[in-house]
Amino acid sequence: MKTELEPQDIEAIAQRVAEKLKPVIAVNDANNYHDRMFDVKRLAEYIGMSPQWIYNNKYKLPHVNINSKPLFRKSEIDRWLESCRVHTGNRTIELPVLKGMNHENKIQTKGFNHQKR
């Protein structure tokens, strides 16, 4: 038994399938956006610091090295930033520098090291 569909029936089926897939596509897009990787330049723009600051402090930031280049996962950086948040009464102050770090593990804020090229 062979059934032929009219063009309007095919269009209705396609629209219904697309409607059913929208939530799945939206979740996948959100996950991809949430877990994208930053290079040093993009991370510097994202957190408002200089690329040199990122290089000087990269071992204190969650990252992976791919071919000797550090890459930073957005979700891990967001967690790291959240861990640096200081709450004072009704206000929240962000101090991504000293919270939870001992003396020898402080983030460098003065005097940049020269970067190897």
Protein backbone atom coordinates (compact mmCIF):
# COMPACT_ATOMS: atom_id res chain seq x y z
CA MET A 1 0.00 0.00 0.00
CA LYS A 2 1.47 3.29 -1.11
CA THR A 3 0.20 6.59 0.24
CA GLU A 4 0.87 9.93 -1.32
CA LEU A 5 0.85 13.05 0.82
CA GLU A 6 -0.27 16.44 -0.29
CA PRO A 7 2.30 19.29 -0.03
CA GLN A 8 0.30 20.97 2.74
CA ASP A 9 0.33 17.69 4.74
CA ILE A 10 4.12 17.42 4.37
CA GLU A 11 4.48 21.03 5.52
CA ALA A 12 2.25 20.40 8.54
CA ILE A 13 4.34 17.36 9.52
CA ALA A 14 7.58 19.33 9.13
CA GLN A 15 6.25 22.16 11.29
CA ARG A 16 5.12 19.72 14.00
CA VAL A 17 8.53 18.00 14.03
CA ALA A 18 10.31 21.36 14.25
CA GLU A 19 8.00 22.37 17.12
CA LYS A 20 8.81 19.15 19.00
CA LEU A 21 12.57 19.64 18.48
CA LYS A 22 12.73 23.30 19.62
CA PRO A 23 13.29 22.49 23.34
CA VAL A 24 16.03 19.99 22.52
CA ILE A 25 17.78 22.40 20.18
CA ALA A 26 17.50 25.24 22.71
CA VAL A 27 19.08 23.11 25.48
CA ASN A 28 21.93 22.04 23.19
CA ASP A 29 22.59 25.64 22.12
CA ALA A 30 22.58 26.81 25.76
CA ASN A 31 25.02 24.06 26.75
CA ASN A 32 27.36 24.87 23.87
CA TYR A 33 27.31 28.56 24.78
CA HIS A 34 27.83 27.79 28.46
CA ASP A 35 30.79 25.47 27.84
CA ARG A 36 32.60 27.32 25.10
CA MET A 37 36.35 27.72 25.39
CA PHE A 38 38.22 31.03 25.63
CA ASP A 39 41.75 31.72 24.50
CA VAL A 40 43.76 34.25 26.52
CA LYS A 41 42.55 37.24 24.51
CA ARG A 42 38.86 36.29 24.77
CA LEU A 43 39.17 35.48 28.48
CA ALA A 44 40.83 38.84 29.11
CA GLU A 45 37.89 40.58 27.40
CA TYR A 46 35.38 38.42 29.29
CA ILE A 47 36.72 39.13 32.79
CA GLY A 48 38.03 42.64 32.13
CA MET A 49 41.72 41.97 32.73
CA SER A 50 44.71 42.30 30.41
CA PRO A 51 46.09 39.32 28.47
CA GLN A 52 49.37 39.77 30.35
CA TRP A 53 47.50 39.41 33.65
CA ILE A 54 45.97 36.17 32.39
CA TYR A 55 49.41 34.81 31.42
CA ASN A 56 50.91 35.84 34.76
CA ASN A 57 48.12 34.14 36.71
CA LYS A 58 47.10 31.27 34.44
CA TYR A 59 48.15 28.58 36.92
CA LYS A 60 45.68 29.99 39.42
CA LEU A 61 42.86 29.86 36.85
CA PRO A 62 41.17 26.62 35.72
CA HIS A 63 42.51 25.82 32.24
CA VAL A 64 43.85 23.18 29.88
CA ASN A 65 46.85 23.42 27.61
CA ILE A 66 46.44 22.48 23.96
CA ASN A 67 49.71 22.62 22.03
CA SER A 68 51.20 24.78 24.82
CA LYS A 69 48.34 27.28 24.55
CA PRO A 70 46.07 27.76 27.56
CA LEU A 71 42.33 27.43 26.98
CA PHE A 72 39.71 28.30 29.56
CA ARG A 73 36.21 26.76 29.76
CA LYS A 74 33.58 29.46 30.35
CA SER A 75 31.64 27.41 32.91
CA GLU A 76 34.81 26.81 34.99
CA ILE A 77 35.79 30.48 34.83
CA ASP A 78 32.27 31.47 35.92
CA ARG A 79 32.56 29.10 38.92
CA TRP A 80 36.01 30.51 39.74
CA LEU A 81 34.67 34.07 39.60
CA GLU A 82 31.74 33.11 41.82
CA SER A 83 34.14 31.63 44.39
CA CYS A 84 35.92 35.01 44.52
CA ARG A 85 32.72 36.91 45.34
CA VAL A 86 32.63 38.60 48.76
CA HIS A 87 29.26 39.29 50.42
CA THR A 88 28.98 42.28 52.77
CA GLY A 89 25.50 42.83 54.18
CA ASN A 90 23.16 43.77 51.35
CA ARG A 91 25.98 44.45 48.89
CA THR A 92 28.13 42.07 46.92
CA ILE A 93 31.68 43.07 46.12
CA GLU A 94 33.75 41.11 43.64
CA LEU A 95 37.38 40.63 44.60
CA PRO A 96 38.94 38.04 42.29
CA VAL A 97 42.31 38.51 43.96
CA LEU A 98 42.87 37.21 47.48
CA LYS A 99 39.93 35.15 48.73
CA GLY A 100 40.97 31.68 49.84
CA MET A 101 44.61 32.00 48.84
CA ASN A 102 47.63 31.72 51.08
CA HIS A 103 50.62 34.07 50.86
CA GLU A 104 52.59 32.21 48.17
CA ASN A 105 49.50 31.52 46.06
CA LYS A 106 48.28 35.11 45.68
CA ILE A 107 47.36 36.41 42.26
CA GLN A 108 49.96 38.74 40.88
CA THR A 109 48.68 42.29 40.60
CA LYS A 110 51.92 44.29 40.27
CA GLY A 111 54.96 44.05 38.02
CA PHE A 112 54.38 41.93 34.96
CA ASN A 113 56.82 39.24 33.90
CA HIS A 114 57.98 39.41 30.32
CA GLN A 115 56.14 36.92 28.19
CA LYS A 116 58.15 34.37 26.21
CA ARG A 117 57.51 34.49 22.49
